[in-house]
Amino acid sequence: MPILSKTLSKEWNKAFSDYERISGFEPMYQEDIDEGTMTVDDAWALNVKFLEDMLSDVTHIVIPEAPELI
């Protein structure tokens, strides 16, 4: 989904667009930024934290051991 924020600068819109392109996730809190209930810095930090938390969850998945090769 393209970032269509009317309140963000061209640079911030590009950053959020790059976030989506790289992560595959639509940035959260866009409406909060436009409504003025959240700063862009806070929204960015929460989006990055989401990715960090997800990566942490994935790295803690217990995977089965590979079978012995004969």
C-alpha atoms as a PDB file:
ATOM      1  CA  MET A   1       0.000   0.000   0.000  1.00  0.00           C
ATOM      2  CA  PRO A   2       1.491   3.347  -0.908  1.00  0.00           C
ATOM      3  CA  ILE A   3       2.128   5.783   1.872  1.00  0.00           C
ATOM      4  CA  LEU A   4      -0.198   8.713   1.311  1.00  0.00           C
ATOM      5  CA  SER A   5       0.367  10.785   4.416  1.00  0.00           C
ATOM      6  CA  LYS A   6      -0.501  14.411   3.954  1.00  0.00           C
ATOM      7  CA  THR A   7       1.372  15.423   7.090  1.00  0.00           C
ATOM      8  CA  LEU A   8       4.721  13.719   6.503  1.00  0.00           C
ATOM      9  CA  SER A   9       7.594  15.096   4.520  1.00  0.00           C
ATOM     10  CA  LYS A  10       8.666  13.503   1.270  1.00  0.00           C
ATOM     11  CA  GLU A  11      11.638  11.997   3.115  1.00  0.00           C
ATOM     12  CA  TRP A  12       9.484  10.397   5.826  1.00  0.00           C
ATOM     13  CA  ASN A  13       7.058   9.046   3.236  1.00  0.00           C
ATOM     14  CA  LYS A  14      10.035   7.465   1.443  1.00  0.00           C
ATOM     15  CA  ALA A  15      11.335   5.985   4.699  1.00  0.00           C
ATOM     16  CA  PHE A  16       7.965   4.378   5.460  1.00  0.00           C
ATOM     17  CA  SER A  17       7.675   3.205   1.862  1.00  0.00           C
ATOM     18  CA  ASP A  18      11.145   1.623   2.128  1.00  0.00           C
ATOM     19  CA  TYR A  19      10.110   0.007   5.428  1.00  0.00           C
ATOM     20  CA  GLU A  20       7.183  -1.650   3.668  1.00  0.00           C
ATOM     21  CA  ARG A  21       9.229  -2.672   0.644  1.00  0.00           C
ATOM     22  CA  ILE A  22      11.969  -4.252   2.750  1.00  0.00           C
ATOM     23  CA  SER A  23       9.870  -5.793   5.529  1.00  0.00           C
ATOM     24  CA  GLY A  24       6.777  -6.743   3.571  1.00  0.00           C
ATOM     25  CA  PHE A  25       4.630  -5.155   6.281  1.00  0.00           C
ATOM     26  CA  GLU A  26       2.506  -2.056   5.903  1.00  0.00           C
ATOM     27  CA  PRO A  27       3.682   0.566   8.397  1.00  0.00           C
ATOM     28  CA  MET A  28       1.434   0.909  11.414  1.00  0.00           C
ATOM     29  CA  TYR A  29       0.188   4.134  13.009  1.00  0.00           C
ATOM     30  CA  GLN A  30      -0.131   6.162   9.794  1.00  0.00           C
ATOM     31  CA  GLU A  31      -3.589   7.382  10.808  1.00  0.00           C
ATOM     32  CA  ASP A  32      -2.300   8.311  14.259  1.00  0.00           C
ATOM     33  CA  ILE A  33       0.398  10.455  12.662  1.00  0.00           C
ATOM     34  CA  ASP A  34      -2.110  12.194  10.386  1.00  0.00           C
ATOM     35  CA  GLU A  35      -4.546  12.744  13.289  1.00  0.00           C
ATOM     36  CA  GLY A  36      -1.759  14.203  15.422  1.00  0.00           C
ATOM     37  CA  THR A  37      -2.136  11.602  18.187  1.00  0.00           C
ATOM     38  CA  MET A  38       1.365  10.197  17.636  1.00  0.00           C
ATOM     39  CA  THR A  39       4.646  11.681  16.515  1.00  0.00           C
ATOM     40  CA  VAL A  40       6.386  10.301  13.472  1.00  0.00           C
ATOM     41  CA  ASP A  41       9.404   9.422  15.623  1.00  0.00           C
ATOM     42  CA  ASP A  42       7.228   7.362  17.992  1.00  0.00           C
ATOM     43  CA  ALA A  43       5.471   5.648  15.089  1.00  0.00           C
ATOM     44  CA  TRP A  44       8.799   4.807  13.463  1.00  0.00           C
ATOM     45  CA  ALA A  45      10.189   3.425  16.726  1.00  0.00           C
ATOM     46  CA  LEU A  46       7.109   1.247  17.279  1.00  0.00           C
ATOM     47  CA  ASN A  47       7.283  -0.103  13.725  1.00  0.00           C
ATOM     48  CA  VAL A  48      10.951  -1.000  14.166  1.00  0.00           C
ATOM     49  CA  LYS A  49      10.184  -2.569  17.571  1.00  0.00           C
ATOM     50  CA  PHE A  50       7.498  -4.709  15.924  1.00  0.00           C
ATOM     51  CA  LEU A  51      10.102  -6.115  13.515  1.00  0.00           C
ATOM     52  CA  GLU A  52      12.660  -6.643  16.285  1.00  0.00           C
ATOM     53  CA  ASP A  53      10.102  -8.457  18.453  1.00  0.00           C
ATOM     54  CA  MET A  54       9.031 -10.638  15.551  1.00  0.00           C
ATOM     55  CA  LEU A  55      12.644 -11.530  14.751  1.00  0.00           C
ATOM     56  CA  SER A  56      13.232 -12.392  18.396  1.00  0.00           C
ATOM     57  CA  ASP A  57      10.181 -14.669  18.369  1.00  0.00           C
ATOM     58  CA  VAL A  58      11.406 -16.415  15.220  1.00  0.00           C
ATOM     59  CA  THR A  59      14.919 -16.923  16.538  1.00  0.00           C
ATOM     60  CA  HIS A  60      13.487 -18.697  19.609  1.00  0.00           C
ATOM     61  CA  ILE A  61      11.551 -21.301  17.627  1.00  0.00           C
ATOM     62  CA  VAL A  62      12.758 -24.759  18.526  1.00  0.00           C
ATOM     63  CA  ILE A  63      13.564 -26.615  15.340  1.00  0.00           C
ATOM     64  CA  PRO A  64      13.984 -30.392  15.045  1.00  0.00           C
ATOM     65  CA  GLU A  65      17.426 -31.846  14.779  1.00  0.00           C
ATOM     66  CA  ALA A  66      18.506 -33.004  11.349  1.00  0.00           C
ATOM     67  CA  PRO A  67      18.482 -36.771  10.957  1.00  0.00           C
ATOM     68  CA  GLU A  68      21.832 -38.530  10.807  1.00  0.00           C
ATOM     69  CA  LEU A  69      23.047 -39.161   7.288  1.00  0.00           C
ATOM     70  CA  ILE A  70      24.018 -42.732   6.547  1.00  0.00           C
END
